[in-house]
């Protein structure tokens, strides 16, 4: 039995898995940055919707918050996956795809509601 075979000892995983984990983290970071940029652009660049003066904030601020959440959770998952790889345990389940899918769906629904309310009030 070598020292790396001892129970609980950290081992050096295949570099391909470490690099794949890092690429996944970088992809989540790009997604987070895009969400923050989209939210900021929405708040700063969009003209207010007629009859719904708070619409830009309603659409943009949650995107920026979601970007911060994705960046933070993405990093925590990266660290958790690194630990699991070094301990030769299965990778834990990721909640990021679920969080992102639900948030994008809510953003789309909110956008539709804002456009419809704006259309009705503009008449």
N, C-alpha and C. Protein backbone atom coordinates (compact mmCIF):
# COMPACT_ATOMS: atom_id res chain seq x y z
N UNK A 1 0.86 -1.18 0.00
CA UNK A 1 0.00 0.00 0.00
C UNK A 1 0.89 1.24 0.00
N UNK A 2 0.69 2.12 -0.97
CA UNK A 2 1.47 3.36 -1.02
C UNK A 2 0.77 4.42 -0.20
N UNK A 3 1.47 5.51 0.02
CA UNK A 3 0.87 6.57 0.83
C UNK A 3 -0.35 7.18 0.16
N UNK A 4 -0.41 7.15 -1.19
CA UNK A 4 -1.57 7.72 -1.87
C UNK A 4 -2.77 6.78 -1.82
N UNK A 5 -2.56 5.50 -1.42
CA UNK A 5 -3.66 4.56 -1.31
C UNK A 5 -4.32 4.57 0.07
N UNK A 6 -3.74 5.28 1.00
CA UNK A 6 -4.28 5.31 2.35
C UNK A 6 -5.64 6.02 2.35
N UNK A 7 -6.58 5.50 3.12
CA UNK A 7 -7.92 6.11 3.16
C UNK A 7 -7.85 7.57 3.60
N UNK A 8 -8.58 8.41 2.88
CA UNK A 8 -8.67 9.82 3.25
C UNK A 8 -7.55 10.68 2.72
N UNK A 9 -6.48 10.06 2.18
CA UNK A 9 -5.39 10.86 1.63
C UNK A 9 -5.81 11.50 0.32
N UNK A 10 -5.36 12.72 0.10
CA UNK A 10 -5.62 13.38 -1.17
C UNK A 10 -4.70 12.77 -2.22
N UNK A 11 -5.23 12.61 -3.41
CA UNK A 11 -4.44 12.08 -4.51
C UNK A 11 -4.41 13.11 -5.62
N UNK A 12 -3.51 12.93 -6.55
CA UNK A 12 -3.42 13.83 -7.69
C UNK A 12 -4.28 13.25 -8.81
N UNK A 13 -5.39 13.92 -9.13
CA UNK A 13 -6.26 13.41 -10.19
C UNK A 13 -5.66 13.67 -11.57
N UNK A 14 -6.24 13.03 -12.55
CA UNK A 14 -5.84 13.24 -13.94
C UNK A 14 -6.01 14.72 -14.27
N UNK A 15 -5.00 15.32 -14.87
CA UNK A 15 -5.03 16.75 -15.17
C UNK A 15 -6.18 17.12 -16.09
N UNK A 16 -6.60 16.20 -16.94
CA UNK A 16 -7.73 16.51 -17.84
C UNK A 16 -8.99 16.86 -17.06
N UNK A 17 -9.22 16.18 -15.94
CA UNK A 17 -10.40 16.47 -15.13
C UNK A 17 -10.26 17.81 -14.42
N UNK A 18 -9.06 18.11 -13.96
CA UNK A 18 -8.83 19.41 -13.32
C UNK A 18 -9.03 20.55 -14.31
N UNK A 19 -8.51 20.37 -15.53
CA UNK A 19 -8.67 21.40 -16.56
C UNK A 19 -10.14 21.54 -16.98
N UNK A 20 -10.84 20.43 -17.06
CA UNK A 20 -12.26 20.47 -17.41
C UNK A 20 -13.05 21.22 -16.33
N UNK A 21 -12.72 20.99 -15.08
CA UNK A 21 -13.37 21.70 -13.98
C UNK A 21 -13.08 23.19 -14.07
N UNK A 22 -11.84 23.53 -14.40
CA UNK A 22 -11.48 24.94 -14.53
C UNK A 22 -12.22 25.59 -15.71
N UNK A 23 -12.32 24.88 -16.83
CA UNK A 23 -13.05 25.42 -17.99
C UNK A 23 -14.52 25.64 -17.65
N UNK A 24 -15.09 24.73 -16.88
CA UNK A 24 -16.48 24.88 -16.47
C UNK A 24 -16.64 26.12 -15.60
N UNK A 25 -15.71 26.31 -14.67
CA UNK A 25 -15.75 27.51 -13.83
C UNK A 25 -15.63 28.78 -14.68
N UNK A 26 -14.73 28.77 -15.65
CA UNK A 26 -14.57 29.94 -16.51
C UNK A 26 -15.83 30.19 -17.35
N UNK A 27 -16.50 29.14 -17.77
CA UNK A 27 -17.76 29.30 -18.51
C UNK A 27 -18.83 29.94 -17.63
N UNK A 28 -18.92 29.50 -16.37
CA UNK A 28 -19.88 30.12 -15.46
C UNK A 28 -19.51 31.57 -15.20
N UNK A 29 -18.21 31.86 -15.13
CA UNK A 29 -17.77 33.24 -14.92
C UNK A 29 -18.15 34.12 -16.11
N UNK A 30 -17.99 33.61 -17.33
CA UNK A 30 -18.41 34.37 -18.52
C UNK A 30 -19.91 34.60 -18.51
N UNK A 31 -20.66 33.59 -18.11
CA UNK A 31 -22.11 33.74 -18.04
C UNK A 31 -22.48 34.81 -17.01
N UNK A 32 -21.82 34.79 -15.86
CA UNK A 32 -22.09 35.78 -14.82
C UNK A 32 -21.76 37.19 -15.32
N UNK A 33 -20.62 37.34 -15.98
CA UNK A 33 -20.23 38.65 -16.50
C UNK A 33 -21.23 39.14 -17.55
N UNK A 34 -21.69 38.24 -18.41
CA UNK A 34 -22.68 38.61 -19.43
C UNK A 34 -24.00 39.05 -18.78
N UNK A 35 -24.41 38.38 -17.72
CA UNK A 35 -25.63 38.76 -17.02
C UNK A 35 -25.50 40.14 -16.38
N UNK A 36 -24.37 40.39 -15.75
CA UNK A 36 -24.15 41.70 -15.13
C UNK A 36 -24.14 42.78 -16.21
N UNK A 37 -23.45 42.53 -17.32
CA UNK A 37 -23.38 43.52 -18.40
C UNK A 37 -24.77 43.75 -19.01
N UNK A 38 -25.55 42.69 -19.20
CA UNK A 38 -26.89 42.84 -19.76
C UNK A 38 -27.79 43.63 -18.81
N UNK A 39 -27.69 43.33 -17.53
CA UNK A 39 -28.49 44.07 -16.55
C UNK A 39 -28.12 45.54 -16.49
N UNK A 40 -26.83 45.81 -16.50
CA UNK A 40 -26.36 47.20 -16.47
C UNK A 40 -26.78 47.93 -17.74
N UNK A 41 -26.65 47.27 -18.87
CA UNK A 41 -27.08 47.89 -20.14
C UNK A 41 -28.58 48.15 -20.13
N UNK A 42 -29.34 47.20 -19.60
CA UNK A 42 -30.78 47.39 -19.53
C UNK A 42 -31.17 48.60 -18.69
N UNK A 43 -30.50 48.77 -17.58
CA UNK A 43 -30.81 49.88 -16.69
C UNK A 43 -30.34 51.21 -17.28
N UNK A 44 -29.19 51.21 -17.95
CA UNK A 44 -28.61 52.46 -18.42
C UNK A 44 -28.98 52.85 -19.86
N UNK A 45 -29.24 51.88 -20.72
CA UNK A 45 -29.39 52.16 -22.14
C UNK A 45 -30.85 52.14 -22.60
N UNK A 46 -31.65 51.22 -22.08
CA UNK A 46 -33.04 51.13 -22.51
C UNK A 46 -33.80 52.41 -22.19
N UNK A 47 -34.64 52.81 -23.11
CA UNK A 47 -35.55 53.91 -22.81
C UNK A 47 -36.63 53.36 -21.89
N UNK A 48 -37.18 54.19 -21.01
CA UNK A 48 -38.27 53.70 -20.15
C UNK A 48 -39.46 53.28 -21.01
N UNK A 49 -40.11 52.21 -20.61
CA UNK A 49 -41.31 51.77 -21.31
C UNK A 49 -42.43 52.76 -20.97
N UNK A 50 -43.20 53.17 -21.97
CA UNK A 50 -44.29 54.11 -21.71
C UNK A 50 -45.26 53.56 -20.66
N UNK A 51 -45.51 54.36 -19.64
CA UNK A 51 -46.46 53.97 -18.60
C UNK A 51 -45.89 53.04 -17.54
N UNK A 52 -44.64 52.62 -17.70
CA UNK A 52 -44.01 51.73 -16.71
C UNK A 52 -42.60 52.27 -16.43
N UNK A 53 -42.51 53.37 -15.65
CA UNK A 53 -41.21 54.02 -15.46
C UNK A 53 -40.17 53.16 -14.72
N UNK A 54 -40.59 52.21 -13.95
CA UNK A 54 -39.68 51.35 -13.17
C UNK A 54 -39.28 50.09 -13.92
N UNK A 55 -39.69 49.97 -15.17
CA UNK A 55 -39.47 48.73 -15.93
C UNK A 55 -37.99 48.41 -16.15
N UNK A 56 -37.18 49.42 -16.41
CA UNK A 56 -35.75 49.16 -16.64
C UNK A 56 -35.11 48.54 -15.40
N UNK A 57 -35.43 49.08 -14.25
CA UNK A 57 -34.88 48.53 -13.00
C UNK A 57 -35.42 47.12 -12.74
N UNK A 58 -36.69 46.91 -13.03
CA UNK A 58 -37.31 45.60 -12.82
C UNK A 58 -36.64 44.53 -13.68
N UNK A 59 -36.21 44.90 -14.87
CA UNK A 59 -35.56 43.94 -15.76
C UNK A 59 -34.04 43.85 -15.53
N UNK A 60 -33.39 44.97 -15.26
CA UNK A 60 -31.94 44.99 -15.18
C UNK A 60 -31.34 44.57 -13.85
N UNK A 61 -31.91 45.02 -12.76
CA UNK A 61 -31.33 44.73 -11.45
C UNK A 61 -31.31 43.23 -11.15
N UNK A 62 -32.39 42.49 -11.40
CA UNK A 62 -32.32 41.05 -11.14
C UNK A 62 -31.25 40.34 -11.98
N UNK A 63 -31.00 40.82 -13.20
CA UNK A 63 -29.94 40.21 -14.02
C UNK A 63 -28.57 40.43 -13.37
N UNK A 64 -28.35 41.62 -12.83
CA UNK A 64 -27.07 41.89 -12.16
C UNK A 64 -26.93 41.04 -10.90
N UNK A 65 -28.01 40.91 -10.14
CA UNK A 65 -27.98 40.07 -8.94
C UNK A 65 -27.73 38.61 -9.32
N UNK A 66 -28.40 38.15 -10.37
CA UNK A 66 -28.20 36.78 -10.84
C UNK A 66 -26.75 36.57 -11.26
N UNK A 67 -26.15 37.56 -11.92
CA UNK A 67 -24.73 37.46 -12.29
C UNK A 67 -23.84 37.29 -11.07
N UNK A 68 -24.13 38.04 -10.02
CA UNK A 68 -23.35 37.91 -8.79
C UNK A 68 -23.54 36.53 -8.16
N UNK A 69 -24.77 36.04 -8.17
CA UNK A 69 -25.05 34.71 -7.60
C UNK A 69 -24.33 33.63 -8.41
N UNK A 70 -24.41 33.70 -9.73
CA UNK A 70 -23.77 32.70 -10.59
C UNK A 70 -22.25 32.73 -10.38
N UNK A 71 -21.66 33.91 -10.28
CA UNK A 71 -20.22 34.00 -10.07
C UNK A 71 -19.82 33.37 -8.74
N UNK A 72 -20.56 33.67 -7.69
CA UNK A 72 -20.24 33.14 -6.36
C UNK A 72 -20.45 31.63 -6.29
N UNK A 73 -21.61 31.17 -6.73
CA UNK A 73 -21.91 29.74 -6.67
C UNK A 73 -20.98 28.97 -7.61
N UNK A 74 -20.67 29.55 -8.76
CA UNK A 74 -19.73 28.91 -9.69
C UNK A 74 -18.37 28.67 -9.06
N UNK A 75 -17.89 29.67 -8.33
CA UNK A 75 -16.60 29.50 -7.65
C UNK A 75 -16.70 28.45 -6.55
N UNK A 76 -17.77 28.48 -5.77
CA UNK A 76 -17.92 27.49 -4.70
C UNK A 76 -18.01 26.07 -5.26
N UNK A 77 -18.71 25.92 -6.39
CA UNK A 77 -18.78 24.60 -7.02
C UNK A 77 -17.42 24.17 -7.57
N UNK A 78 -16.69 25.10 -8.13
CA UNK A 78 -15.34 24.81 -8.62
C UNK A 78 -14.49 24.24 -7.48
N UNK A 79 -14.51 24.91 -6.34
CA UNK A 79 -13.73 24.45 -5.17
C UNK A 79 -14.22 23.09 -4.69
N UNK A 80 -15.52 22.91 -4.63
CA UNK A 80 -16.10 21.64 -4.17
C UNK A 80 -15.73 20.50 -5.12
N UNK A 81 -15.76 20.78 -6.42
CA UNK A 81 -15.38 19.77 -7.41
C UNK A 81 -13.89 19.45 -7.32
N UNK A 82 -13.06 20.46 -7.10
CA UNK A 82 -11.63 20.21 -6.95
C UNK A 82 -11.37 19.27 -5.78
N UNK A 83 -12.05 19.55 -4.68
CA UNK A 83 -11.89 18.71 -3.48
C UNK A 83 -12.31 17.27 -3.78
N UNK A 84 -13.46 17.11 -4.45
CA UNK A 84 -13.94 15.77 -4.77
C UNK A 84 -12.98 15.05 -5.72
N UNK A 85 -12.44 15.76 -6.69
CA UNK A 85 -11.48 15.14 -7.62
C UNK A 85 -10.24 14.66 -6.88
N UNK A 86 -9.74 15.48 -5.98
CA UNK A 86 -8.53 15.11 -5.24
C UNK A 86 -8.79 13.96 -4.27
N UNK A 87 -10.01 13.82 -3.82
CA UNK A 87 -10.35 12.74 -2.89
C UNK A 87 -10.97 11.54 -3.60
N UNK A 88 -10.98 11.58 -4.92
CA UNK A 88 -11.54 10.50 -5.75
C UNK A 88 -12.97 10.13 -5.37
N UNK A 89 -13.75 11.16 -5.11
CA UNK A 89 -15.17 10.98 -4.83
C UNK A 89 -15.97 11.43 -6.04
N UNK A 90 -17.22 10.99 -6.15
CA UNK A 90 -18.06 11.47 -7.26
C UNK A 90 -18.28 12.98 -7.13
N UNK A 91 -18.43 13.62 -8.26
CA UNK A 91 -18.68 15.06 -8.23
C UNK A 91 -20.09 15.32 -7.72
N UNK A 92 -20.23 16.34 -6.87
CA UNK A 92 -21.56 16.66 -6.35
C UNK A 92 -22.46 17.25 -7.44
N UNK A 93 -23.74 17.19 -7.21
CA UNK A 93 -24.72 17.73 -8.16
C UNK A 93 -24.61 19.25 -8.21
N UNK A 94 -24.74 19.79 -9.40
CA UNK A 94 -24.70 21.24 -9.58
C UNK A 94 -26.10 21.81 -9.66
N UNK A 95 -26.34 22.88 -8.93
CA UNK A 95 -27.62 23.58 -8.97
C UNK A 95 -27.60 24.75 -9.94
N UNK A 96 -26.43 25.07 -10.49
CA UNK A 96 -26.33 26.24 -11.36
C UNK A 96 -27.23 26.16 -12.60
N UNK A 97 -27.29 25.03 -13.31
CA UNK A 97 -28.18 25.01 -14.47
C UNK A 97 -29.65 25.25 -14.09
N UNK A 98 -30.08 24.71 -12.97
CA UNK A 98 -31.46 24.92 -12.52
C UNK A 98 -31.69 26.39 -12.16
N UNK A 99 -30.76 26.96 -11.41
CA UNK A 99 -30.87 28.37 -11.02
C UNK A 99 -30.96 29.25 -12.27
N UNK A 100 -30.07 29.01 -13.22
CA UNK A 100 -30.03 29.83 -14.43
C UNK A 100 -31.30 29.66 -15.26
N UNK A 101 -31.77 28.43 -15.43
CA UNK A 101 -32.98 28.19 -16.23
C UNK A 101 -34.20 28.87 -15.61
N UNK A 102 -34.35 28.75 -14.30
CA UNK A 102 -35.49 29.37 -13.62
C UNK A 102 -35.39 30.89 -13.73
N UNK A 103 -34.22 31.44 -13.52
CA UNK A 103 -34.04 32.90 -13.56
C UNK A 103 -34.28 33.45 -14.96
N UNK A 104 -33.79 32.77 -15.98
CA UNK A 104 -34.02 33.24 -17.35
C UNK A 104 -35.50 33.16 -17.70
N UNK A 105 -36.16 32.10 -17.27
CA UNK A 105 -37.60 31.98 -17.51
C UNK A 105 -38.37 33.11 -16.82
N UNK A 106 -38.03 33.39 -15.57
CA UNK A 106 -38.69 34.48 -14.86
C UNK A 106 -38.43 35.82 -15.52
N UNK A 107 -37.21 36.03 -16.00
CA UNK A 107 -36.87 37.27 -16.69
C UNK A 107 -37.69 37.41 -17.97
N UNK A 108 -37.82 36.32 -18.72
CA UNK A 108 -38.60 36.35 -19.95
C UNK A 108 -40.07 36.66 -19.66
N UNK A 109 -40.63 36.01 -18.65
CA UNK A 109 -42.03 36.25 -18.29
C UNK A 109 -42.21 37.70 -17.82
N UNK A 110 -41.30 38.19 -17.01
CA UNK A 110 -41.37 39.57 -16.55
C UNK A 110 -41.28 40.54 -17.72
N UNK A 111 -40.42 40.25 -18.67
CA UNK A 111 -40.29 41.10 -19.86
C UNK A 111 -41.60 41.16 -20.64
N UNK A 112 -42.23 40.02 -20.82
CA UNK A 112 -43.50 39.98 -21.54
C UNK A 112 -44.55 40.80 -20.80
N UNK A 113 -44.61 40.65 -19.49
CA UNK A 113 -45.58 41.41 -18.69
C UNK A 113 -45.32 42.90 -18.81
N UNK A 114 -44.06 43.31 -18.72
CA UNK A 114 -43.72 44.74 -18.83
C UNK A 114 -44.13 45.29 -20.19
N UNK A 115 -43.84 44.53 -21.25
CA UNK A 115 -44.21 45.00 -22.59
C UNK A 115 -45.73 45.11 -22.72
N UNK A 116 -46.45 44.11 -22.23
CA UNK A 116 -47.92 44.15 -22.33
C UNK A 116 -48.51 45.30 -21.51
N UNK A 117 -48.02 45.49 -20.29
CA UNK A 117 -48.51 46.58 -19.46
C UNK A 117 -48.19 47.91 -20.12
N UNK A 118 -47.02 48.05 -20.67
CA UNK A 118 -46.61 49.28 -21.34
C UNK A 118 -47.51 49.55 -22.56
N UNK A 119 -47.83 48.51 -23.31
CA UNK A 119 -48.69 48.66 -24.49
C UNK A 119 -50.09 49.12 -24.09
N UNK A 120 -50.63 48.54 -23.03
CA UNK A 120 -51.97 48.89 -22.57
C UNK A 120 -51.99 50.32 -22.05
N UNK A 121 -50.99 50.70 -21.29
CA UNK A 121 -50.96 52.06 -20.70
C UNK A 121 -50.65 53.13 -21.73
N UNK A 122 -49.96 52.78 -22.80
CA UNK A 122 -49.59 53.76 -23.83
C UNK A 122 -50.78 54.14 -24.70
N UNK A 123 -51.82 53.34 -24.68
CA UNK A 123 -52.99 53.63 -25.55
C UNK A 123 -53.81 54.76 -25.02
